[in-house]
Amino acid sequence: MFTKLKNLFKKSKKEDDKLGCISYNLLDTGEVEVNINLRDLEEDSIEKFARMFARVTTLSLSGYTIELTKELFQQADEEKYVQLMLIAAEECKRIVEENEGQIIADDEYIKPSEMFNE
């Protein structure tokens, strides 16, 4: 599903106040293209980019993204928004089913309590 990662640390053509970005583009094929740009590798830039990266890779921005999507679709066509949510719910269900039975992060490590139960 995720197909491409490009433009890492590429300077933007237009010099403005954008320090970096992570963008997702939906291709005609249904695949998702991921673009990452970071203006420079200064310590401050890396720290700010890391904070954004953490928000993108967790549920931190999900509520905001859902609300924005809802507003956009409801302005255009409320029935299409309902259709979008139903399809998204089915996709979430499929992803959960795909990941059932996979090792979770906690299983990969020895827990402190397990060290003394020999």
PDB file of N, CA and C in Angstrom:
ATOM      1  N   MET A   1       0.822  -1.187   0.000  1.00  0.00           N
ATOM      2  CA  MET A   1       0.000   0.000   0.000  1.00  0.00           C
ATOM      3  C   MET A   1       0.873   1.260   0.000  1.00  0.00           C
ATOM      4  N   PHE A   2       1.826   1.351   0.896  1.00  0.00           N
ATOM      5  CA  PHE A   2       2.740   2.481   0.861  1.00  0.00           C
ATOM      6  C   PHE A   2       3.858   2.130  -0.104  1.00  0.00           C
ATOM      7  N   THR A   3       4.086   2.977  -1.083  1.00  0.00           N
ATOM      8  CA  THR A   3       4.979   2.591  -2.153  1.00  0.00           C
ATOM      9  C   THR A   3       6.273   3.364  -2.239  1.00  0.00           C
ATOM     10  N   LYS A   4       6.241   4.621  -2.001  1.00  0.00           N
ATOM     11  CA  LYS A   4       7.421   5.412  -2.292  1.00  0.00           C
ATOM     12  C   LYS A   4       7.802   6.307  -1.127  1.00  0.00           C
ATOM     13  N   LEU A   5       9.079   6.491  -0.985  1.00  0.00           N
ATOM     14  CA  LEU A   5       9.620   7.427  -0.011  1.00  0.00           C
ATOM     15  C   LEU A   5      10.660   8.219  -0.769  1.00  0.00           C
ATOM     16  N   LYS A   6      10.439   9.492  -0.918  1.00  0.00           N
ATOM     17  CA  LYS A   6      11.397  10.268  -1.681  1.00  0.00           C
ATOM     18  C   LYS A   6      11.542  11.676  -1.131  1.00  0.00           C
ATOM     19  N   ASN A   7      12.495  12.371  -1.669  1.00  0.00           N
ATOM     20  CA  ASN A   7      12.764  13.765  -1.331  1.00  0.00           C
ATOM     21  C   ASN A   7      13.260  13.962   0.095  1.00  0.00           C
ATOM     22  N   LEU A   8      13.871  12.945   0.689  1.00  0.00           N
ATOM     23  CA  LEU A   8      14.389  13.069   2.044  1.00  0.00           C
ATOM     24  C   LEU A   8      15.488  14.122   2.074  1.00  0.00           C
ATOM     25  N   PHE A   9      15.353  15.090   2.919  1.00  0.00           N
ATOM     26  CA  PHE A   9      16.315  16.168   3.106  1.00  0.00           C
ATOM     27  C   PHE A   9      16.526  17.009   1.850  1.00  0.00           C
ATOM     28  N   LYS A  10      15.550  17.063   0.986  1.00  0.00           N
ATOM     29  CA  LYS A  10      15.638  17.865  -0.218  1.00  0.00           C
ATOM     30  C   LYS A  10      15.174  19.282   0.100  1.00  0.00           C
ATOM     31  N   LYS A  11      15.951  20.257  -0.333  1.00  0.00           N
ATOM     32  CA  LYS A  11      15.541  21.635  -0.127  1.00  0.00           C
ATOM     33  C   LYS A  11      14.360  21.951  -1.019  1.00  0.00           C
ATOM     34  N   SER A  12      13.419  22.699  -0.469  1.00  0.00           N
ATOM     35  CA  SER A  12      12.252  23.063  -1.259  1.00  0.00           C
ATOM     36  C   SER A  12      12.649  24.111  -2.290  1.00  0.00           C
ATOM     37  N   LYS A  13      11.967  24.086  -3.422  1.00  0.00           N
ATOM     38  CA  LYS A  13      12.254  25.030  -4.498  1.00  0.00           C
ATOM     39  C   LYS A  13      11.868  26.446  -4.079  1.00  0.00           C
ATOM     40  N   LYS A  14      10.785  26.563  -3.375  1.00  0.00           N
ATOM     41  CA  LYS A  14      10.313  27.865  -2.923  1.00  0.00           C
ATOM     42  C   LYS A  14      10.812  28.089  -1.501  1.00  0.00           C
ATOM     43  N   GLU A  15      11.638  29.089  -1.322  1.00  0.00           N
ATOM     44  CA  GLU A  15      12.143  29.403   0.012  1.00  0.00           C
ATOM     45  C   GLU A  15      11.042  30.109   0.801  1.00  0.00           C
ATOM     46  N   ASP A  16      10.546  29.469   1.835  1.00  0.00           N
ATOM     47  CA  ASP A  16       9.531  30.064   2.686  1.00  0.00           C
ATOM     48  C   ASP A  16       9.759  29.607   4.118  1.00  0.00           C
ATOM     49  N   ASP A  17       8.744  29.669   4.940  1.00  0.00           N
ATOM     50  CA  ASP A  17       8.906  29.329   6.349  1.00  0.00           C
ATOM     51  C   ASP A  17       8.687  27.854   6.640  1.00  0.00           C
ATOM     52  N   LYS A  18       8.561  27.020   5.611  1.00  0.00           N
ATOM     53  CA  LYS A  18       8.364  25.589   5.832  1.00  0.00           C
ATOM     54  C   LYS A  18       9.707  24.921   6.125  1.00  0.00           C
ATOM     55  N   LEU A  19       9.804  24.357   7.321  1.00  0.00           N
ATOM     56  CA  LEU A  19      11.026  23.675   7.741  1.00  0.00           C
ATOM     57  C   LEU A  19      11.076  22.252   7.204  1.00  0.00           C
ATOM     58  N   GLY A  20       9.925  21.606   7.158  1.00  0.00           N
ATOM     59  CA  GLY A  20       9.872  20.238   6.656  1.00  0.00           C
ATOM     60  C   GLY A  20       8.440  19.781   6.528  1.00  0.00           C
ATOM     61  N   CYS A  21       8.275  18.636   5.893  1.00  0.00           N
ATOM     62  CA  CYS A  21       6.927  18.100   5.762  1.00  0.00           C
ATOM     63  C   CYS A  21       6.963  16.599   5.508  1.00  0.00           C
ATOM     64  N   ILE A  22       5.857  15.964   5.857  1.00  0.00           N
ATOM     65  CA  ILE A  22       5.586  14.584   5.492  1.00  0.00           C
ATOM     66  C   ILE A  22       4.242  14.646   4.786  1.00  0.00           C
ATOM     67  N   SER A  23       4.208  14.209   3.537  1.00  0.00           N
ATOM     68  CA  SER A  23       2.933  14.252   2.813  1.00  0.00           C
ATOM     69  C   SER A  23       2.612  12.885   2.236  1.00  0.00           C
ATOM     70  N   TYR A  24       1.327  12.611   2.183  1.00  0.00           N
ATOM     71  CA  TYR A  24       0.820  11.358   1.642  1.00  0.00           C
ATOM     72  C   TYR A  24      -0.015  11.693   0.414  1.00  0.00           C
ATOM     73  N   ASN A  25       0.293  11.044  -0.701  1.00  0.00           N
ATOM     74  CA  ASN A  25      -0.450  11.264  -1.934  1.00  0.00           C
ATOM     75  C   ASN A  25      -1.067   9.949  -2.383  1.00  0.00           C
ATOM     76  N   LEU A  26      -2.328  10.009  -2.762  1.00  0.00           N
ATOM     77  CA  LEU A  26      -3.025   8.840  -3.270  1.00  0.00           C
ATOM     78  C   LEU A  26      -2.869   8.818  -4.781  1.00  0.00           C
ATOM     79  N   LEU A  27      -2.254   7.748  -5.287  1.00  0.00           N
ATOM     80  CA  LEU A  27      -2.040   7.614  -6.722  1.00  0.00           C
ATOM     81  C   LEU A  27      -3.275   6.999  -7.379  1.00  0.00           C
ATOM     82  N   ASP A  28      -3.387   7.152  -8.674  1.00  0.00           N
ATOM     83  CA  ASP A  28      -4.507   6.566  -9.420  1.00  0.00           C
ATOM     84  C   ASP A  28      -4.589   5.053  -9.229  1.00  0.00           C
ATOM     85  N   THR A  29      -3.468   4.413  -8.958  1.00  0.00           N
ATOM     86  CA  THR A  29      -3.425   2.963  -8.770  1.00  0.00           C
ATOM     87  C   THR A  29      -3.991   2.535  -7.424  1.00  0.00           C
ATOM     88  N   GLY A  30      -4.223   3.488  -6.521  1.00  0.00           N
ATOM     89  CA  GLY A  30      -4.699   3.177  -5.179  1.00  0.00           C
ATOM     90  C   GLY A  30      -3.560   3.073  -4.182  1.00  0.00           C
ATOM     91  N   GLU A  31      -2.327   3.130  -4.681  1.00  0.00           N
ATOM     92  CA  GLU A  31      -1.173   3.088  -3.785  1.00  0.00           C
ATOM     93  C   GLU A  31      -0.957   4.454  -3.151  1.00  0.00           C
ATOM     94  N   VAL A  32      -0.250   4.458  -2.036  1.00  0.00           N
ATOM     95  CA  VAL A  32       0.028   5.694  -1.322  1.00  0.00           C
ATOM     96  C   VAL A  32       1.507   6.029  -1.493  1.00  0.00           C
ATOM     97  N   GLU A  33       1.766   7.249  -1.894  1.00  0.00           N
ATOM     98  CA  GLU A  33       3.125   7.745  -2.051  1.00  0.00           C
ATOM     99  C   GLU A  33       3.436   8.627  -0.839  1.00  0.00           C
ATOM    100  N   VAL A  34       4.586   8.416  -0.229  1.00  0.00           N
ATOM    101  CA  VAL A  34       4.990   9.204   0.928  1.00  0.00           C
ATOM    102  C   VAL A  34       6.172  10.082   0.529  1.00  0.00           C
ATOM    103  N   ASN A  35       6.049  11.366   0.782  1.00  0.00           N
ATOM    104  CA  ASN A  35       7.136  12.309   0.512  1.00  0.00           C
ATOM    105  C   ASN A  35       7.579  12.932   1.828  1.00  0.00           C
ATOM    106  N   ILE A  36       8.883  12.978   2.038  1.00  0.00           N
ATOM    107  CA  ILE A  36       9.436  13.596   3.243  1.00  0.00           C
ATOM    108  C   ILE A  36      10.452  14.639   2.807  1.00  0.00           C
ATOM    109  N   ASN A  37      10.287  15.840   3.307  1.00  0.00           N
ATOM    110  CA  ASN A  37      11.225  16.927   3.016  1.00  0.00           C
ATOM    111  C   ASN A  37      11.681  17.549   4.329  1.00  0.00           C
ATOM    112  N   LEU A  38      12.943  17.851   4.404  1.00  0.00           N
ATOM    113  CA  LEU A  38      13.492  18.566   5.553  1.00  0.00           C
ATOM    114  C   LEU A  38      14.520  19.550   5.014  1.00  0.00           C
ATOM    115  N   ARG A  39      14.348  20.812   5.340  1.00  0.00           N
ATOM    116  CA  ARG A  39      15.179  21.868   4.771  1.00  0.00           C
ATOM    117  C   ARG A  39      16.655  21.715   5.126  1.00  0.00           C
ATOM    118  N   ASP A  40      16.957  21.344   6.363  1.00  0.00           N
ATOM    119  CA  ASP A  40      18.356  21.201   6.763  1.00  0.00           C
ATOM    120  C   ASP A  40      18.472  20.184   7.880  1.00  0.00           C
ATOM    121  N   LEU A  41      19.689  19.878   8.273  1.00  0.00           N
ATOM    122  CA  LEU A  41      19.937  18.892   9.329  1.00  0.00           C
ATOM    123  C   LEU A  41      20.448  19.534  10.612  1.00  0.00           C
ATOM    124  N   GLU A  42      20.062  20.779  10.826  1.00  0.00           N
ATOM    125  CA  GLU A  42      20.431  21.460  12.066  1.00  0.00           C
ATOM    126  C   GLU A  42      19.733  20.777  13.242  1.00  0.00           C
ATOM    127  N   GLU A  43      20.337  20.865  14.411  1.00  0.00           N
ATOM    128  CA  GLU A  43      19.797  20.198  15.596  1.00  0.00           C
ATOM    129  C   GLU A  43      18.357  20.630  15.884  1.00  0.00           C
ATOM    130  N   ASP A  44      18.082  21.926  15.785  1.00  0.00           N
ATOM    131  CA  ASP A  44      16.741  22.443  16.041  1.00  0.00           C
ATOM    132  C   ASP A  44      15.742  21.879  15.024  1.00  0.00           C
ATOM    133  N   SER A  45      16.143  21.796  13.762  1.00  0.00           N
ATOM    134  CA  SER A  45      15.275  21.262  12.714  1.00  0.00           C
ATOM    135  C   SER A  45      14.952  19.801  12.964  1.00  0.00           C
ATOM    136  N   ILE A  46      15.958  19.032  13.319  1.00  0.00           N
ATOM    137  CA  ILE A  46      15.764  17.608  13.586  1.00  0.00           C
ATOM    138  C   ILE A  46      14.828  17.412  14.768  1.00  0.00           C
ATOM    139  N   GLU A  47      15.003  18.218  15.809  1.00  0.00           N
ATOM    140  CA  GLU A  47      14.147  18.110  16.992  1.00  0.00           C
ATOM    141  C   GLU A  47      12.686  18.415  16.642  1.00  0.00           C
ATOM    142  N   LYS A  48      12.454  19.474  15.881  1.00  0.00           N
ATOM    143  CA  LYS A  48      11.095  19.844  15.495  1.00  0.00           C
ATOM    144  C   LYS A  48      10.487  18.793  14.562  1.00  0.00           C
ATOM    145  N   PHE A  49      11.298  18.288  13.635  1.00  0.00           N
ATOM    146  CA  PHE A  49      10.814  17.263  12.712  1.00  0.00           C
ATOM    147  C   PHE A  49      10.475  15.984  13.465  1.00  0.00           C
ATOM    148  N   ALA A  50      11.287  15.630  14.457  1.00  0.00           N
ATOM    149  CA  ALA A  50      11.032  14.429  15.266  1.00  0.00           C
ATOM    150  C   ALA A  50       9.693  14.543  15.992  1.00  0.00           C
ATOM    151  N   ARG A  51       9.379  15.727  16.495  1.00  0.00           N
ATOM    152  CA  ARG A  51       8.087  15.925  17.172  1.00  0.00           C
ATOM    153  C   ARG A  51       6.930  15.730  16.198  1.00  0.00           C
ATOM    154  N   MET A  52       7.076  16.281  14.997  1.00  0.00           N
ATOM    155  CA  MET A  52       6.020  16.107  13.996  1.00  0.00           C
ATOM    156  C   MET A  52       5.921  14.631  13.600  1.00  0.00           C
ATOM    157  N   PHE A  53       7.059  13.987  13.392  1.00  0.00           N
ATOM    158  CA  PHE A  53       7.084  12.571  13.014  1.00  0.00           C
ATOM    159  C   PHE A  53       6.364  11.724  14.058  1.00  0.00           C
ATOM    160  N   ALA A  54       6.598  12.014  15.328  1.00  0.00           N
ATOM    161  CA  ALA A  54       5.945  11.271  16.409  1.00  0.00           C
ATOM    162  C   ALA A  54       4.432  11.461  16.352  1.00  0.00           C
ATOM    163  N   ARG A  55       3.975  12.649  16.048  1.00  0.00           N
ATOM    164  CA  ARG A  55       2.535  12.905  15.965  1.00  0.00           C
ATOM    165  C   ARG A  55       1.909  12.207  14.765  1.00  0.00           C
ATOM    166  N   VAL A  56       2.617  12.196  13.653  1.00  0.00           N
ATOM    167  CA  VAL A  56       2.090  11.555  12.441  1.00  0.00           C
ATOM    168  C   VAL A  56       2.022  10.042  12.612  1.00  0.00           C
ATOM    169  N   THR A  57       2.977   9.456  13.306  1.00  0.00           N
ATOM    170  CA  THR A  57       3.036   8.000  13.433  1.00  0.00           C
ATOM    171  C   THR A  57       2.227   7.460  14.608  1.00  0.00           C
ATOM    172  N   THR A  58       1.585   8.337  15.357  1.00  0.00           N
ATOM    173  CA  THR A  58       0.684   7.909  16.424  1.00  0.00           C
ATOM    174  C   THR A  58      -0.708   8.460  16.110  1.00  0.00           C
ATOM    175  N   LEU A  59      -1.617   8.317  17.016  1.00  0.00           N
ATOM    176  CA  LEU A  59      -2.979   8.808  16.796  1.00  0.00           C
ATOM    177  C   LEU A  59      -3.141  10.287  17.134  1.00  0.00           C
ATOM    178  N   SER A  60      -2.058  10.959  17.449  1.00  0.00           N
ATOM    179  CA  SER A  60      -2.119  12.336  17.905  1.00  0.00           C
ATOM    180  C   SER A  60      -2.840  13.275  16.938  1.00  0.00           C
ATOM    181  N   LEU A  61      -2.632  13.125  15.654  1.00  0.00           N
ATOM    182  CA  LEU A  61      -3.253  14.008  14.669  1.00  0.00           C
ATOM    183  C   LEU A  61      -4.531  13.435  14.064  1.00  0.00           C
ATOM    184  N   SER A  62      -4.906  12.243  14.463  1.00  0.00           N
ATOM    185  CA  SER A  62      -6.067  11.582  13.858  1.00  0.00           C
ATOM    186  C   SER A  62      -7.359  12.357  14.049  1.00  0.00           C
ATOM    187  N   GLY A  63      -7.625  12.821  15.237  1.00  0.00           N
ATOM    188  CA  GLY A  63      -8.851  13.570  15.504  1.00  0.00           C
ATOM    189  C   GLY A  63      -8.952  14.806  14.637  1.00  0.00           C
ATOM    190  N   TYR A  64      -7.859  15.531  14.538  1.00  0.00           N
ATOM    191  CA  TYR A  64      -7.808  16.745  13.711  1.00  0.00           C
ATOM    192  C   TYR A  64      -8.032  16.401  12.242  1.00  0.00           C
ATOM    193  N   THR A  65      -7.384  15.346  11.771  1.00  0.00           N
ATOM    194  CA  THR A  65      -7.522  14.925  10.372  1.00  0.00           C
ATOM    195  C   THR A  65      -8.948  14.485  10.071  1.00  0.00           C
ATOM    196  N   ILE A  66      -9.539  13.735  10.982  1.00  0.00           N
ATOM    197  CA  ILE A  66     -10.924  13.280  10.798  1.00  0.00           C
ATOM    198  C   ILE A  66     -11.868  14.477  10.746  1.00  0.00           C
ATOM    199  N   GLU A  67     -11.679  15.415  11.643  1.00  0.00           N
ATOM    200  CA  GLU A  67     -12.546  16.599  11.680  1.00  0.00           C
ATOM    201  C   GLU A  67     -12.416  17.422  10.401  1.00  0.00           C
ATOM    202  N   LEU A  68     -11.202  17.606   9.919  1.00  0.00           N
ATOM    203  CA  LEU A  68     -10.980  18.338   8.673  1.00  0.00           C
ATOM    204  C   LEU A  68     -11.639  17.629   7.496  1.00  0.00           C
ATOM    205  N   THR A  69     -11.473  16.314   7.432  1.00  0.00           N
ATOM    206  CA  THR A  69     -12.077  15.514   6.369  1.00  0.00           C
ATOM    207  C   THR A  69     -13.592  15.618   6.427  1.00  0.00           C
ATOM    208  N   LYS A  70     -14.129  15.528   7.630  1.00  0.00           N
ATOM    209  CA  LYS A  70     -15.581  15.630   7.821  1.00  0.00           C
ATOM    210  C   LYS A  70     -16.106  16.965   7.301  1.00  0.00           C
ATOM    211  N   GLU A  71     -15.456  18.054   7.690  1.00  0.00           N
ATOM    212  CA  GLU A  71     -15.886  19.384   7.249  1.00  0.00           C
ATOM    213  C   GLU A  71     -15.815  19.516   5.735  1.00  0.00           C
ATOM    214  N   LEU A  72     -14.742  19.044   5.151  1.00  0.00           N
ATOM    215  CA  LEU A  72     -14.562  19.136   3.706  1.00  0.00           C
ATOM    216  C   LEU A  72     -15.653  18.372   2.960  1.00  0.00           C
ATOM    217  N   PHE A  73     -15.897  17.127   3.371  1.00  0.00           N
ATOM    218  CA  PHE A  73     -16.896  16.300   2.696  1.00  0.00           C
ATOM    219  C   PHE A  73     -18.309  16.801   2.943  1.00  0.00           C
ATOM    220  N   GLN A  74     -18.594  17.262   4.156  1.00  0.00           N
ATOM    221  CA  GLN A  74     -19.949  17.729   4.450  1.00  0.00           C
ATOM    222  C   GLN A  74     -20.287  19.001   3.682  1.00  0.00           C
ATOM    223  N   GLN A  75     -19.296  19.815   3.427  1.00  0.00           N
ATOM    224  CA  GLN A  75     -19.534  21.019   2.626  1.00  0.00           C
ATOM    225  C   GLN A  75     -19.862  20.640   1.185  1.00  0.00           C
ATOM    226  N   ALA A  76     -19.217  19.595   0.690  1.00  0.00           N
ATOM    227  CA  ALA A  76     -19.415  19.178  -0.698  1.00  0.00           C
ATOM    228  C   ALA A  76     -20.623  18.261  -0.856  1.00  0.00           C
ATOM    229  N   ASP A  77     -20.695  17.205  -0.026  1.00  0.00           N
ATOM    230  CA  ASP A  77     -21.762  16.208  -0.186  1.00  0.00           C
ATOM    231  C   ASP A  77     -21.774  15.310   1.050  1.00  0.00           C
ATOM    232  N   GLU A  78     -22.776  15.500   1.902  1.00  0.00           N
ATOM    233  CA  GLU A  78     -22.840  14.758   3.165  1.00  0.00           C
ATOM    234  C   GLU A  78     -22.983  13.248   2.945  1.00  0.00           C
ATOM    235  N   GLU A  79     -23.694  12.835   1.906  1.00  0.00           N
ATOM    236  CA  GLU A  79     -23.824  11.401   1.622  1.00  0.00           C
ATOM    237  C   GLU A  79     -22.478  10.780   1.273  1.00  0.00           C
ATOM    238  N   LYS A  80     -21.635  11.538   0.581  1.00  0.00           N
ATOM    239  CA  LYS A  80     -20.289  11.047   0.234  1.00  0.00           C
ATOM    240  C   LYS A  80     -19.443  10.886   1.492  1.00  0.00           C
ATOM    241  N   TYR A  81     -19.664  11.753   2.488  1.00  0.00           N
ATOM    242  CA  TYR A  81     -18.941  11.633   3.753  1.00  0.00           C
ATOM    243  C   TYR A  81     -19.322  10.335   4.461  1.00  0.00           C
ATOM    244  N   VAL A  82     -20.608  10.021   4.482  1.00  0.00           N
ATOM    245  CA  VAL A  82     -21.070   8.775   5.101  1.00  0.00           C
ATOM    246  C   VAL A  82     -20.453   7.583   4.364  1.00  0.00           C
ATOM    247  N   GLN A  83     -20.441   7.646   3.048  1.00  0.00           N
ATOM    248  CA  GLN A  83     -19.832   6.585   2.241  1.00  0.00           C
ATOM    249  C   GLN A  83     -18.346   6.436   2.581  1.00  0.00           C
ATOM    250  N   LEU A  84     -17.640   7.559   2.695  1.00  0.00           N
ATOM    251  CA  LEU A  84     -16.218   7.549   3.047  1.00  0.00           C
ATOM    252  C   LEU A  84     -15.993   6.875   4.397  1.00  0.00           C
ATOM    253  N   MET A  85     -16.807   7.220   5.395  1.00  0.00           N
ATOM    254  CA  MET A  85     -16.651   6.661   6.728  1.00  0.00           C
ATOM    255  C   MET A  85     -16.934   5.159   6.753  1.00  0.00           C
ATOM    256  N   LEU A  86     -17.925   4.715   5.989  1.00  0.00           N
ATOM    257  CA  LEU A  86     -18.223   3.282   5.931  1.00  0.00           C
ATOM    258  C   LEU A  86     -17.066   2.503   5.293  1.00  0.00           C
ATOM    259  N   ILE A  87     -16.521   3.037   4.224  1.00  0.00           N
ATOM    260  CA  ILE A  87     -15.380   2.384   3.568  1.00  0.00           C
ATOM    261  C   ILE A  87     -14.174   2.392   4.497  1.00  0.00           C
ATOM    262  N   ALA A  88     -13.928   3.502   5.184  1.00  0.00           N
ATOM    263  CA  ALA A  88     -12.800   3.601   6.112  1.00  0.00           C
ATOM    264  C   ALA A  88     -12.954   2.612   7.264  1.00  0.00           C
ATOM    265  N   ALA A  89     -14.182   2.446   7.761  1.00  0.00           N
ATOM    266  CA  ALA A  89     -14.428   1.492   8.846  1.00  0.00           C
ATOM    267  C   ALA A  89     -14.130   0.065   8.387  1.00  0.00           C
ATOM    268  N   GLU A  90     -14.526  -0.268   7.176  1.00  0.00           N
ATOM    269  CA  GLU A  90     -14.232  -1.604   6.629  1.00  0.00           C
ATOM    270  C   GLU A  90     -12.730  -1.810   6.475  1.00  0.00           C
ATOM    271  N   GLU A  91     -12.026  -0.777   6.037  1.00  0.00           N
ATOM    272  CA  GLU A  91     -10.571  -0.869   5.872  1.00  0.00           C
ATOM    273  C   GLU A  91      -9.895  -1.042   7.230  1.00  0.00           C
ATOM    274  N   CYS A  92     -10.362  -0.321   8.237  1.00  0.00           N
ATOM    275  CA  CYS A  92      -9.815  -0.476   9.594  1.00  0.00           C
ATOM    276  C   CYS A  92     -10.029  -1.902  10.096  1.00  0.00           C
ATOM    277  N   LYS A  93     -11.205  -2.441   9.857  1.00  0.00           N
ATOM    278  CA  LYS A  93     -11.517  -3.815  10.259  1.00  0.00           C
ATOM    279  C   LYS A  93     -10.566  -4.793   9.573  1.00  0.00           C
ATOM    280  N   ARG A  94     -10.322  -4.584   8.272  1.00  0.00           N
ATOM    281  CA  ARG A  94      -9.421  -5.456   7.515  1.00  0.00           C
ATOM    282  C   ARG A  94      -7.992  -5.374   8.066  1.00  0.00           C
ATOM    283  N   ILE A  95      -7.545  -4.178   8.407  1.00  0.00           N
ATOM    284  CA  ILE A  95      -6.195  -3.993   8.949  1.00  0.00           C
ATOM    285  C   ILE A  95      -6.062  -4.699  10.296  1.00  0.00           C
ATOM    286  N   VAL A  96      -7.072  -4.570  11.148  1.00  0.00           N
ATOM    287  CA  VAL A  96      -7.051  -5.238  12.451  1.00  0.00           C
ATOM    288  C   VAL A  96      -6.987  -6.748  12.261  1.00  0.00           C
ATOM    289  N   GLU A  97      -7.801  -7.274  11.357  1.00  0.00           N
ATOM    290  CA  GLU A  97      -7.800  -8.719  11.099  1.00  0.00           C
ATOM    291  C   GLU A  97      -6.457  -9.191  10.552  1.00  0.00           C
ATOM    292  N   GLU A  98      -5.824  -8.381   9.705  1.00  0.00           N
ATOM    293  CA  GLU A  98      -4.508  -8.703   9.155  1.00  0.00           C
ATOM    294  C   GLU A  98      -3.454  -8.813  10.254  1.00  0.00           C
ATOM    295  N   ASN A  99      -3.580  -7.964  11.255  1.00  0.00           N
ATOM    296  CA  ASN A  99      -2.568  -7.881  12.297  1.00  0.00           C
ATOM    297  C   ASN A  99      -2.832  -8.781  13.498  1.00  0.00           C
ATOM    298  N   GLU A 100      -3.977  -9.458  13.519  1.00  0.00           N
ATOM    299  CA  GLU A 100      -4.270 -10.364  14.630  1.00  0.00           C
ATOM    300  C   GLU A 100      -3.244 -11.489  14.654  1.00  0.00           C
ATOM    301  N   GLY A 101      -2.792 -11.814  15.834  1.00  0.00           N
ATOM    302  CA  GLY A 101      -1.856 -12.917  15.992  1.00  0.00           C
ATOM    303  C   GLY A 101      -0.403 -12.529  15.760  1.00  0.00           C
ATOM    304  N   GLN A 102      -0.152 -11.307  15.312  1.00  0.00           N
ATOM    305  CA  GLN A 102       1.233 -10.895  15.136  1.00  0.00           C
ATOM    306  C   GLN A 102       1.833 -10.563  16.498  1.00  0.00           C
ATOM    307  N   ILE A 103       3.140 -10.684  16.594  1.00  0.00           N
ATOM    308  CA  ILE A 103       3.839 -10.393  17.843  1.00  0.00           C
ATOM    309  C   ILE A 103       3.720  -8.907  18.143  1.00  0.00           C
ATOM    310  N   ILE A 104       3.328  -8.612  19.365  1.00  0.00           N
ATOM    311  CA  ILE A 104       3.285  -7.215  19.780  1.00  0.00           C
ATOM    312  C   ILE A 104       4.624  -6.844  20.403  1.00  0.00           C
ATOM    313  N   ALA A 105       4.902  -5.565  20.471  1.00  0.00           N
ATOM    314  CA  ALA A 105       6.210  -5.076  20.916  1.00  0.00           C
ATOM    315  C   ALA A 105       6.592  -5.613  22.289  1.00  0.00           C
ATOM    316  N   ASP A 106       5.638  -5.723  23.208  1.00  0.00           N
ATOM    317  CA  ASP A 106       5.939  -6.189  24.558  1.00  0.00           C
ATOM    318  C   ASP A 106       6.428  -7.633  24.562  1.00  0.00           C
ATOM    319  N   ASP A 107       5.998  -8.431  23.608  1.00  0.00           N
ATOM    320  CA  ASP A 107       6.402  -9.830  23.560  1.00  0.00           C
ATOM    321  C   ASP A 107       7.857 -10.004  23.143  1.00  0.00           C
ATOM    322  N   GLU A 108       8.438  -8.999  22.530  1.00  0.00           N
ATOM    323  CA  GLU A 108       9.797  -9.099  22.026  1.00  0.00           C
ATOM    324  C   GLU A 108      10.839  -8.889  23.117  1.00  0.00           C
ATOM    325  N   TYR A 109      10.458  -8.404  24.259  1.00  0.00           N
ATOM    326  CA  TYR A 109      11.395  -8.068  25.313  1.00  0.00           C
ATOM    327  C   TYR A 109      11.143  -8.902  26.565  1.00  0.00           C
ATOM    328  N   ILE A 110      12.195  -9.116  27.327  1.00  0.00           N
ATOM    329  CA  ILE A 110      12.059  -9.802  28.602  1.00  0.00           C
ATOM    330  C   ILE A 110      11.581  -8.775  29.615  1.00  0.00           C
ATOM    331  N   LYS A 111      10.500  -9.096  30.261  1.00  0.00           N
ATOM    332  CA  LYS A 111       9.955  -8.201  31.261  1.00  0.00           C
ATOM    333  C   LYS A 111      10.730  -8.404  32.567  1.00  0.00           C
ATOM    334  N   PRO A 112      10.904  -7.359  33.380  1.00  0.00           N
ATOM    335  CA  PRO A 112      11.637  -7.496  34.640  1.00  0.00           C
ATOM    336  C   PRO A 112      11.104  -8.626  35.527  1.00  0.00           C
ATOM    337  N   SER A 113       9.792  -8.818  35.546  1.00  0.00           N
ATOM    338  CA  SER A 113       9.210  -9.882  36.381  1.00  0.00           C
ATOM    339  C   SER A 113       9.603 -11.269  35.872  1.00  0.00           C
ATOM    340  N   GLU A 114       9.863 -11.391  34.580  1.00  0.00           N
ATOM    341  CA  GLU A 114      10.257 -12.694  34.013  1.00  0.00           C
ATOM    342  C   GLU A 114      11.689 -13.062  34.382  1.00  0.00           C
ATOM    343  N   MET A 115      12.511 -12.104  34.735  1.00  0.00           N
ATOM    344  CA  MET A 115      13.910 -12.384  35.073  1.00  0.00           C
ATOM    345  C   MET A 115      14.020 -13.170  36.364  1.00  0.00           C
ATOM    346  N   PHE A 116      13.039 -13.029  37.243  1.00  0.00           N
ATOM    347  CA  PHE A 116      13.121 -13.667  38.554  1.00  0.00           C
ATOM    348  C   PHE A 116      12.239 -14.909  38.658  1.00  0.00           C
ATOM    349  N   ASN A 117      11.531 -15.276  37.621  1.00  0.00           N
ATOM    350  CA  ASN A 117      10.633 -16.411  37.647  1.00  0.00           C
ATOM    351  C   ASN A 117      11.254 -17.623  36.953  1.00  0.00           C
ATOM    352  N   GLU A 118      12.462 -17.951  37.250  1.00  0.00           N
ATOM    353  CA  GLU A 118      13.106 -19.102  36.606  1.00  0.00           C
ATOM    354  C   GLU A 118      13.012 -20.333  37.435  1.00  0.00           C
TER     355      GLU A 118
END
